[in-house]
């Protein structure tokens, strides 16, 4: 059940609360650090924290700007309405996709801290356990043709739901291995959106797939060890097209 909270200038939306703390604390890394509940972090362009309430693990992310504006404003965005903020928009989209049964992380909480016309934002989602992004997997081993077909079928299912993923690449697809089974997941829905399914309007789907293919080709050209080949793309497209035809 979704609940909204407002504490001073902080707005919080919660779907499934962690077992410790209170809403205004869940979106603060300092809270989890104080509870000795930080179990890891990813230190790429921006830090992402992996935290635990003792039963489940979560991913806590702070929103940052990219490009030239990011050099000036870093993590500040112009407030034009609560539902248009980065964290609330991603939370709402995740909740919709999750309710459709699509393989996305469960959204837990979204926060917006407003100061006049400016806001900062955080998002807390449930962590997909026993999973690595496809880029990391391909650095050590190839995926089977069946795995690529599963990935293609997954993308087709998202497209059938109308999802346009603004940054579909091999870093935003997870490959999970758990209890003898394997499956793909899709992550990072910042600035993604649901689009109307107009008959014959497939350009955005093709652009999504082209972006993913470019990311694989880019990593193949840059990495010393990267176990991907064009035949893998053919397997992915076979899974994609078969799912589209069976709509």
C-alpha atoms as a PDB file:
ATOM      1  CA  UNK A   1       0.000   0.000   0.000  1.00  0.00           C
ATOM      2  CA  UNK A   2       1.345   3.405  -0.988  1.00  0.00           C
ATOM      3  CA  UNK A   3       1.580   6.057   1.701  1.00  0.00           C
ATOM      4  CA  UNK A   4       2.832   9.633   1.437  1.00  0.00           C
ATOM      5  CA  UNK A   5       4.576  11.537   4.219  1.00  0.00           C
ATOM      6  CA  UNK A   6       5.640  15.157   4.525  1.00  0.00           C
ATOM      7  CA  UNK A   7       8.182  16.116   7.160  1.00  0.00           C
ATOM      8  CA  UNK A   8       9.102  19.808   6.953  1.00  0.00           C
ATOM      9  CA  UNK A   9      10.404  20.305   3.393  1.00  0.00           C
ATOM     10  CA  UNK A  10      10.856  16.582   2.734  1.00  0.00           C
ATOM     11  CA  UNK A  11       8.297  14.536   0.775  1.00  0.00           C
ATOM     12  CA  UNK A  12       8.416  10.745   1.020  1.00  0.00           C
ATOM     13  CA  UNK A  13       6.438   8.035  -0.777  1.00  0.00           C
ATOM     14  CA  UNK A  14       6.577   4.532   0.698  1.00  0.00           C
ATOM     15  CA  UNK A  15       5.363   1.190  -0.631  1.00  0.00           C
ATOM     16  CA  UNK A  16       7.010  -1.473   1.543  1.00  0.00           C
ATOM     17  CA  UNK A  17       8.883  -0.065   4.535  1.00  0.00           C
ATOM     18  CA  UNK A  18      12.119  -1.578   5.867  1.00  0.00           C
ATOM     19  CA  UNK A  19      12.020  -3.130   9.317  1.00  0.00           C
ATOM     20  CA  UNK A  20      14.061  -0.424  11.021  1.00  0.00           C
ATOM     21  CA  UNK A  21      13.927   3.332  11.353  1.00  0.00           C
ATOM     22  CA  UNK A  22      11.269   5.770  10.154  1.00  0.00           C
ATOM     23  CA  UNK A  23      10.431   7.217   6.716  1.00  0.00           C
ATOM     24  CA  UNK A  24      12.565  10.343   6.962  1.00  0.00           C
ATOM     25  CA  UNK A  25      15.634   8.197   7.707  1.00  0.00           C
ATOM     26  CA  UNK A  26      15.416   5.424   5.113  1.00  0.00           C
ATOM     27  CA  UNK A  27      16.642   7.664   2.308  1.00  0.00           C
ATOM     28  CA  UNK A  28      19.703   8.905   4.190  1.00  0.00           C
ATOM     29  CA  UNK A  29      22.942   6.885   3.869  1.00  0.00           C
ATOM     30  CA  UNK A  30      24.068   8.281   7.234  1.00  0.00           C
ATOM     31  CA  UNK A  31      21.184   6.449   8.933  1.00  0.00           C
ATOM     32  CA  UNK A  32      22.220   3.084   7.520  1.00  0.00           C
ATOM     33  CA  UNK A  33      25.859   3.767   8.331  1.00  0.00           C
ATOM     34  CA  UNK A  34      24.875   4.526  11.927  1.00  0.00           C
ATOM     35  CA  UNK A  35      23.025   1.212  12.101  1.00  0.00           C
ATOM     36  CA  UNK A  36      26.067  -0.633  10.670  1.00  0.00           C
ATOM     37  CA  UNK A  37      23.656  -1.735   7.959  1.00  0.00           C
ATOM     38  CA  UNK A  38      25.660  -0.777   4.846  1.00  0.00           C
ATOM     39  CA  UNK A  39      26.632  -4.072   3.213  1.00  0.00           C
ATOM     40  CA  UNK A  40      28.368  -2.627   0.159  1.00  0.00           C
ATOM     41  CA  UNK A  41      28.508   0.194  -2.324  1.00  0.00           C
ATOM     42  CA  UNK A  42      29.090   0.840  -5.975  1.00  0.00           C
ATOM     43  CA  UNK A  43      31.493   3.669  -6.685  1.00  0.00           C
ATOM     44  CA  UNK A  44      31.116   4.379 -10.377  1.00  0.00           C
ATOM     45  CA  UNK A  45      30.333   7.900 -11.533  1.00  0.00           C
ATOM     46  CA  UNK A  46      28.227   8.309  -8.369  1.00  0.00           C
ATOM     47  CA  UNK A  47      28.026   6.251  -5.182  1.00  0.00           C
ATOM     48  CA  UNK A  48      25.175   3.773  -4.722  1.00  0.00           C
ATOM     49  CA  UNK A  49      24.711   2.155  -1.304  1.00  0.00           C
ATOM     50  CA  UNK A  50      23.632  -1.415  -0.627  1.00  0.00           C
ATOM     51  CA  UNK A  51      21.907  -1.594   2.755  1.00  0.00           C
ATOM     52  CA  UNK A  52      20.100  -4.231   4.824  1.00  0.00           C
ATOM     53  CA  UNK A  53      17.398  -4.285   7.488  1.00  0.00           C
ATOM     54  CA  UNK A  54      18.436  -7.785   8.596  1.00  0.00           C
ATOM     55  CA  UNK A  55      15.989  -9.623   6.343  1.00  0.00           C
ATOM     56  CA  UNK A  56      16.263  -7.933   2.958  1.00  0.00           C
ATOM     57  CA  UNK A  57      18.782  -5.852   1.084  1.00  0.00           C
ATOM     58  CA  UNK A  58      18.087  -2.570  -0.662  1.00  0.00           C
ATOM     59  CA  UNK A  59      19.745  -0.190  -3.100  1.00  0.00           C
ATOM     60  CA  UNK A  60      19.852   3.483  -2.082  1.00  0.00           C
ATOM     61  CA  UNK A  61      20.579   5.990  -4.826  1.00  0.00           C
ATOM     62  CA  UNK A  62      20.943   9.763  -4.835  1.00  0.00           C
ATOM     63  CA  UNK A  63      20.120  11.572  -8.078  1.00  0.00           C
ATOM     64  CA  UNK A  64      22.835  13.554  -9.824  1.00  0.00           C
ATOM     65  CA  UNK A  65      22.889  15.654 -12.946  1.00  0.00           C
ATOM     66  CA  UNK A  66      24.946  14.587 -15.921  1.00  0.00           C
ATOM     67  CA  UNK A  67      26.821  16.524 -18.576  1.00  0.00           C
ATOM     68  CA  UNK A  68      27.732  20.188 -18.300  1.00  0.00           C
ATOM     69  CA  UNK A  69      24.813  21.098 -15.964  1.00  0.00           C
ATOM     70  CA  UNK A  70      26.085  18.430 -13.566  1.00  0.00           C
ATOM     71  CA  UNK A  71      29.399  20.246 -13.234  1.00  0.00           C
ATOM     72  CA  UNK A  72      27.567  23.326 -11.985  1.00  0.00           C
ATOM     73  CA  UNK A  73      24.533  22.068 -10.055  1.00  0.00           C
ATOM     74  CA  UNK A  74      25.647  18.499  -9.220  1.00  0.00           C
ATOM     75  CA  UNK A  75      22.449  17.188  -7.602  1.00  0.00           C
ATOM     76  CA  UNK A  76      20.015  20.103  -7.814  1.00  0.00           C
ATOM     77  CA  UNK A  77      16.934  20.047 -10.038  1.00  0.00           C
ATOM     78  CA  UNK A  78      14.226  22.618 -10.778  1.00  0.00           C
ATOM     79  CA  UNK A  79      10.983  21.798  -8.954  1.00  0.00           C
ATOM     80  CA  UNK A  80       7.954  21.853 -11.289  1.00  0.00           C
ATOM     81  CA  UNK A  81       5.648  19.586  -9.286  1.00  0.00           C
ATOM     82  CA  UNK A  82       6.084  16.600  -6.991  1.00  0.00           C
ATOM     83  CA  UNK A  83       5.030  13.946  -9.509  1.00  0.00           C
ATOM     84  CA  UNK A  84       7.498  15.352 -12.056  1.00  0.00           C
ATOM     85  CA  UNK A  85      10.520  14.971  -9.782  1.00  0.00           C
ATOM     86  CA  UNK A  86      13.070  12.361 -10.819  1.00  0.00           C
ATOM     87  CA  UNK A  87      12.577  10.101  -7.805  1.00  0.00           C
ATOM     88  CA  UNK A  88       8.764  10.158  -7.767  1.00  0.00           C
ATOM     89  CA  UNK A  89       8.544   9.585 -11.525  1.00  0.00           C
ATOM     90  CA  UNK A  90      10.885   6.597 -11.349  1.00  0.00           C
ATOM     91  CA  UNK A  91       9.141   5.231  -8.247  1.00  0.00           C
ATOM     92  CA  UNK A  92       5.711   5.456  -9.908  1.00  0.00           C
ATOM     93  CA  UNK A  93       6.956   3.815 -13.101  1.00  0.00           C
ATOM     94  CA  UNK A  94       8.636   1.011 -11.156  1.00  0.00           C
ATOM     95  CA  UNK A  95       5.449   0.424  -9.162  1.00  0.00           C
ATOM     96  CA  UNK A  96       3.432   0.116 -12.380  1.00  0.00           C
ATOM     97  CA  UNK A  97       5.901  -2.281 -14.009  1.00  0.00           C
ATOM     98  CA  UNK A  98       6.211  -4.321 -10.804  1.00  0.00           C
ATOM     99  CA  UNK A  99       2.420  -4.672 -10.581  1.00  0.00           C
ATOM    100  CA  UNK A 100       2.411  -5.912 -14.198  1.00  0.00           C
ATOM    101  CA  UNK A 101       4.699  -8.755 -13.121  1.00  0.00           C
ATOM    102  CA  UNK A 102       7.671  -7.541 -15.136  1.00  0.00           C
ATOM    103  CA  UNK A 103      11.193  -8.296 -13.815  1.00  0.00           C
ATOM    104  CA  UNK A 104      12.052  -4.999 -12.118  1.00  0.00           C
ATOM    105  CA  UNK A 105      13.266  -4.239  -8.583  1.00  0.00           C
ATOM    106  CA  UNK A 106      10.484  -3.598  -6.090  1.00  0.00           C
ATOM    107  CA  UNK A 107      10.245   0.127  -5.285  1.00  0.00           C
ATOM    108  CA  UNK A 108      10.430   0.801  -1.552  1.00  0.00           C
ATOM    109  CA  UNK A 109      10.590   4.565  -1.007  1.00  0.00           C
ATOM    110  CA  UNK A 110      11.181   7.802  -2.893  1.00  0.00           C
ATOM    111  CA  UNK A 111      12.179  11.093  -1.348  1.00  0.00           C
ATOM    112  CA  UNK A 112      12.265  14.721  -2.424  1.00  0.00           C
ATOM    113  CA  UNK A 113      13.885  17.467  -0.367  1.00  0.00           C
ATOM    114  CA  UNK A 114      12.704  20.847  -1.589  1.00  0.00           C
ATOM    115  CA  UNK A 115      14.285  24.242  -1.112  1.00  0.00           C
ATOM    116  CA  UNK A 116      12.298  26.901  -2.950  1.00  0.00           C
ATOM    117  CA  UNK A 117      12.434  26.172  -6.674  1.00  0.00           C
ATOM    118  CA  UNK A 118      15.197  23.569  -6.227  1.00  0.00           C
ATOM    119  CA  UNK A 119      15.027  19.963  -5.029  1.00  0.00           C
ATOM    120  CA  UNK A 120      17.263  16.979  -4.363  1.00  0.00           C
ATOM    121  CA  UNK A 121      16.060  13.387  -4.622  1.00  0.00           C
ATOM    122  CA  UNK A 122      16.723   9.828  -3.431  1.00  0.00           C
ATOM    123  CA  UNK A 123      15.277   6.411  -4.262  1.00  0.00           C
ATOM    124  CA  UNK A 124      15.269   3.154  -2.276  1.00  0.00           C
ATOM    125  CA  UNK A 125      14.539  -0.121  -4.087  1.00  0.00           C
ATOM    126  CA  UNK A 126      14.803  -3.777  -3.171  1.00  0.00           C
ATOM    127  CA  UNK A 127      18.055  -5.343  -4.333  1.00  0.00           C
ATOM    128  CA  UNK A 128      17.978  -8.139  -6.914  1.00  0.00           C
ATOM    129  CA  UNK A 129      20.025 -10.793  -5.161  1.00  0.00           C
ATOM    130  CA  UNK A 130      22.474 -13.234  -6.787  1.00  0.00           C
ATOM    131  CA  UNK A 131      22.686 -11.070  -9.897  1.00  0.00           C
ATOM    132  CA  UNK A 132      25.348  -9.235 -11.896  1.00  0.00           C
ATOM    133  CA  UNK A 133      24.914  -6.878 -14.793  1.00  0.00           C
ATOM    134  CA  UNK A 134      25.431  -8.425 -18.207  1.00  0.00           C
ATOM    135  CA  UNK A 135      28.585  -6.372 -18.727  1.00  0.00           C
ATOM    136  CA  UNK A 136      30.225  -7.946 -15.666  1.00  0.00           C
ATOM    137  CA  UNK A 137      29.090 -11.432 -16.671  1.00  0.00           C
ATOM    138  CA  UNK A 138      30.536 -11.068 -20.158  1.00  0.00           C
ATOM    139  CA  UNK A 139      33.872  -9.961 -18.729  1.00  0.00           C
ATOM    140  CA  UNK A 140      34.331 -13.482 -17.341  1.00  0.00           C
ATOM    141  CA  UNK A 141      32.209 -15.846 -19.448  1.00  0.00           C
ATOM    142  CA  UNK A 142      29.839 -16.008 -22.419  1.00  0.00           C
ATOM    143  CA  UNK A 143      26.094 -16.330 -22.029  1.00  0.00           C
ATOM    144  CA  UNK A 144      24.360 -19.197 -23.810  1.00  0.00           C
ATOM    145  CA  UNK A 145      22.110 -18.739 -26.824  1.00  0.00           C
ATOM    146  CA  UNK A 146      19.166 -19.617 -24.580  1.00  0.00           C
ATOM    147  CA  UNK A 147      20.171 -16.847 -22.159  1.00  0.00           C
ATOM    148  CA  UNK A 148      20.274 -14.302 -24.988  1.00  0.00           C
ATOM    149  CA  UNK A 149      16.863 -15.486 -26.154  1.00  0.00           C
ATOM    150  CA  UNK A 150      15.539 -14.922 -22.619  1.00  0.00           C
ATOM    151  CA  UNK A 151      16.972 -11.400 -22.645  1.00  0.00           C
ATOM    152  CA  UNK A 152      15.360 -10.703 -26.015  1.00  0.00           C
ATOM    153  CA  UNK A 153      12.010 -12.031 -24.800  1.00  0.00           C
ATOM    154  CA  UNK A 154      12.254  -9.871 -21.678  1.00  0.00           C
ATOM    155  CA  UNK A 155      12.859  -6.720 -23.727  1.00  0.00           C
ATOM    156  CA  UNK A 156       9.912  -7.612 -25.968  1.00  0.00           C
ATOM    157  CA  UNK A 157       7.653  -7.972 -22.927  1.00  0.00           C
ATOM    158  CA  UNK A 158       8.663  -4.512 -21.723  1.00  0.00           C
ATOM    159  CA  UNK A 159       8.036  -3.091 -25.183  1.00  0.00           C
ATOM    160  CA  UNK A 160       4.620  -4.751 -25.300  1.00  0.00           C
ATOM    161  CA  UNK A 161       3.821  -2.980 -22.033  1.00  0.00           C
ATOM    162  CA  UNK A 162       4.801   0.295 -23.745  1.00  0.00           C
ATOM    163  CA  UNK A 163       8.049   0.889 -21.860  1.00  0.00           C
ATOM    164  CA  UNK A 164      10.628   3.127 -23.478  1.00  0.00           C
ATOM    165  CA  UNK A 165      13.933   2.669 -21.630  1.00  0.00           C
ATOM    166  CA  UNK A 166      16.022   5.801 -22.074  1.00  0.00           C
ATOM    167  CA  UNK A 167      19.342   4.041 -21.438  1.00  0.00           C
ATOM    168  CA  UNK A 168      19.046   0.410 -22.508  1.00  0.00           C
ATOM    169  CA  UNK A 169      22.581  -0.976 -22.355  1.00  0.00           C
ATOM    170  CA  UNK A 170      24.464  -4.014 -21.063  1.00  0.00           C
ATOM    171  CA  UNK A 171      25.012  -2.348 -17.677  1.00  0.00           C
ATOM    172  CA  UNK A 172      21.267  -2.001 -17.041  1.00  0.00           C
ATOM    173  CA  UNK A 173      20.365  -5.639 -17.650  1.00  0.00           C
ATOM    174  CA  UNK A 174      20.999  -8.012 -14.754  1.00  0.00           C
ATOM    175  CA  UNK A 175      21.521 -11.756 -15.090  1.00  0.00           C
ATOM    176  CA  UNK A 176      20.351 -13.605 -11.989  1.00  0.00           C
ATOM    177  CA  UNK A 177      21.386 -17.103 -10.975  1.00  0.00           C
ATOM    178  CA  UNK A 178      19.408 -18.437  -8.021  1.00  0.00           C
ATOM    179  CA  UNK A 179      18.398 -21.932  -6.853  1.00  0.00           C
ATOM    180  CA  UNK A 180      19.320 -23.548 -10.149  1.00  0.00           C
ATOM    181  CA  UNK A 181      17.369 -21.096 -12.309  1.00  0.00           C
ATOM    182  CA  UNK A 182      18.485 -18.094 -14.347  1.00  0.00           C
ATOM    183  CA  UNK A 183      16.609 -15.013 -15.524  1.00  0.00           C
ATOM    184  CA  UNK A 184      17.203 -11.447 -16.735  1.00  0.00           C
ATOM    185  CA  UNK A 185      16.071  -8.271 -14.986  1.00  0.00           C
ATOM    186  CA  UNK A 186      15.923  -4.678 -16.174  1.00  0.00           C
ATOM    187  CA  UNK A 187      17.073  -1.797 -13.946  1.00  0.00           C
ATOM    188  CA  UNK A 188      17.593   1.994 -13.878  1.00  0.00           C
ATOM    189  CA  UNK A 189      14.349   3.620 -14.982  1.00  0.00           C
ATOM    190  CA  UNK A 190      15.364   7.240 -14.475  1.00  0.00           C
ATOM    191  CA  UNK A 191      13.789   9.332 -17.264  1.00  0.00           C
ATOM    192  CA  UNK A 192      12.083   6.283 -18.769  1.00  0.00           C
ATOM    193  CA  UNK A 193       8.402   6.352 -19.709  1.00  0.00           C
ATOM    194  CA  UNK A 194       5.381   4.389 -20.853  1.00  0.00           C
ATOM    195  CA  UNK A 195       4.349   5.168 -24.415  1.00  0.00           C
ATOM    196  CA  UNK A 196       1.091   4.585 -26.235  1.00  0.00           C
ATOM    197  CA  UNK A 197       1.113   1.510 -28.439  1.00  0.00           C
ATOM    198  CA  UNK A 198       0.170   2.980 -31.808  1.00  0.00           C
ATOM    199  CA  UNK A 199      -0.183   0.494 -34.654  1.00  0.00           C
ATOM    200  CA  UNK A 200       2.952   0.438 -36.782  1.00  0.00           C
ATOM    201  CA  UNK A 201       4.811   2.916 -34.558  1.00  0.00           C
ATOM    202  CA  UNK A 202       7.931   0.888 -33.789  1.00  0.00           C
ATOM    203  CA  UNK A 203      10.744   3.407 -34.277  1.00  0.00           C
ATOM    204  CA  UNK A 204      11.299   3.876 -30.533  1.00  0.00           C
ATOM    205  CA  UNK A 205      11.507   0.109 -30.017  1.00  0.00           C
ATOM    206  CA  UNK A 206      14.068  -0.183 -32.788  1.00  0.00           C
ATOM    207  CA  UNK A 207      16.025   2.714 -31.265  1.00  0.00           C
ATOM    208  CA  UNK A 208      16.039   0.913 -27.905  1.00  0.00           C
ATOM    209  CA  UNK A 209      17.438  -2.247 -29.453  1.00  0.00           C
ATOM    210  CA  UNK A 210      20.002  -0.313 -31.492  1.00  0.00           C
ATOM    211  CA  UNK A 211      21.237   1.410 -28.332  1.00  0.00           C
ATOM    212  CA  UNK A 212      21.710  -1.933 -26.597  1.00  0.00           C
ATOM    213  CA  UNK A 213      23.585  -3.349 -29.574  1.00  0.00           C
ATOM    214  CA  UNK A 214      25.878  -0.312 -29.698  1.00  0.00           C
ATOM    215  CA  UNK A 215      26.730  -0.746 -26.020  1.00  0.00           C
ATOM    216  CA  UNK A 216      27.717  -4.371 -26.588  1.00  0.00           C
ATOM    217  CA  UNK A 217      29.809  -3.489 -29.642  1.00  0.00           C
ATOM    218  CA  UNK A 218      31.454  -0.634 -27.744  1.00  0.00           C
ATOM    219  CA  UNK A 219      32.493  -2.894 -24.860  1.00  0.00           C
ATOM    220  CA  UNK A 220      33.700  -5.548 -27.290  1.00  0.00           C
ATOM    221  CA  UNK A 221      36.007  -2.967 -28.835  1.00  0.00           C
ATOM    222  CA  UNK A 222      37.259  -1.581 -25.514  1.00  0.00           C
ATOM    223  CA  UNK A 223      37.609  -4.605 -23.219  1.00  0.00           C
ATOM    224  CA  UNK A 224      40.433  -7.123 -23.396  1.00  0.00           C
ATOM    225  CA  UNK A 225      38.108  -9.891 -22.233  1.00  0.00           C
ATOM    226  CA  UNK A 226      34.497  -9.569 -23.335  1.00  0.00           C
ATOM    227  CA  UNK A 227      32.688 -12.738 -24.364  1.00  0.00           C
ATOM    228  CA  UNK A 228      30.171 -11.479 -26.897  1.00  0.00           C
ATOM    229  CA  UNK A 229      29.747 -12.104 -30.614  1.00  0.00           C
ATOM    230  CA  UNK A 230      27.287 -11.174 -33.347  1.00  0.00           C
ATOM    231  CA  UNK A 231      25.664 -14.616 -33.111  1.00  0.00           C
ATOM    232  CA  UNK A 232      24.571 -13.664 -29.589  1.00  0.00           C
ATOM    233  CA  UNK A 233      22.685 -10.697 -30.999  1.00  0.00           C
ATOM    234  CA  UNK A 234      20.938 -12.964 -33.472  1.00  0.00           C
ATOM    235  CA  UNK A 235      19.844 -15.164 -30.552  1.00  0.00           C
ATOM    236  CA  UNK A 236      18.571 -12.100 -28.667  1.00  0.00           C
ATOM    237  CA  UNK A 237      16.573 -10.953 -31.683  1.00  0.00           C
ATOM    238  CA  UNK A 238      15.148 -14.450 -32.140  1.00  0.00           C
ATOM    239  CA  UNK A 239      13.823 -14.337 -28.588  1.00  0.00           C
ATOM    240  CA  UNK A 240      12.529 -10.803 -29.115  1.00  0.00           C
ATOM    241  CA  UNK A 241      10.780 -11.508 -32.409  1.00  0.00           C
ATOM    242  CA  UNK A 242       9.265 -14.776 -31.219  1.00  0.00           C
ATOM    243  CA  UNK A 243       7.725 -12.993 -28.232  1.00  0.00           C
ATOM    244  CA  UNK A 244       6.449 -10.137 -30.404  1.00  0.00           C
ATOM    245  CA  UNK A 245       4.851 -12.572 -32.877  1.00  0.00           C
ATOM    246  CA  UNK A 246       3.095 -14.435 -30.059  1.00  0.00           C
ATOM    247  CA  UNK A 247       1.463 -11.264 -28.745  1.00  0.00           C
END
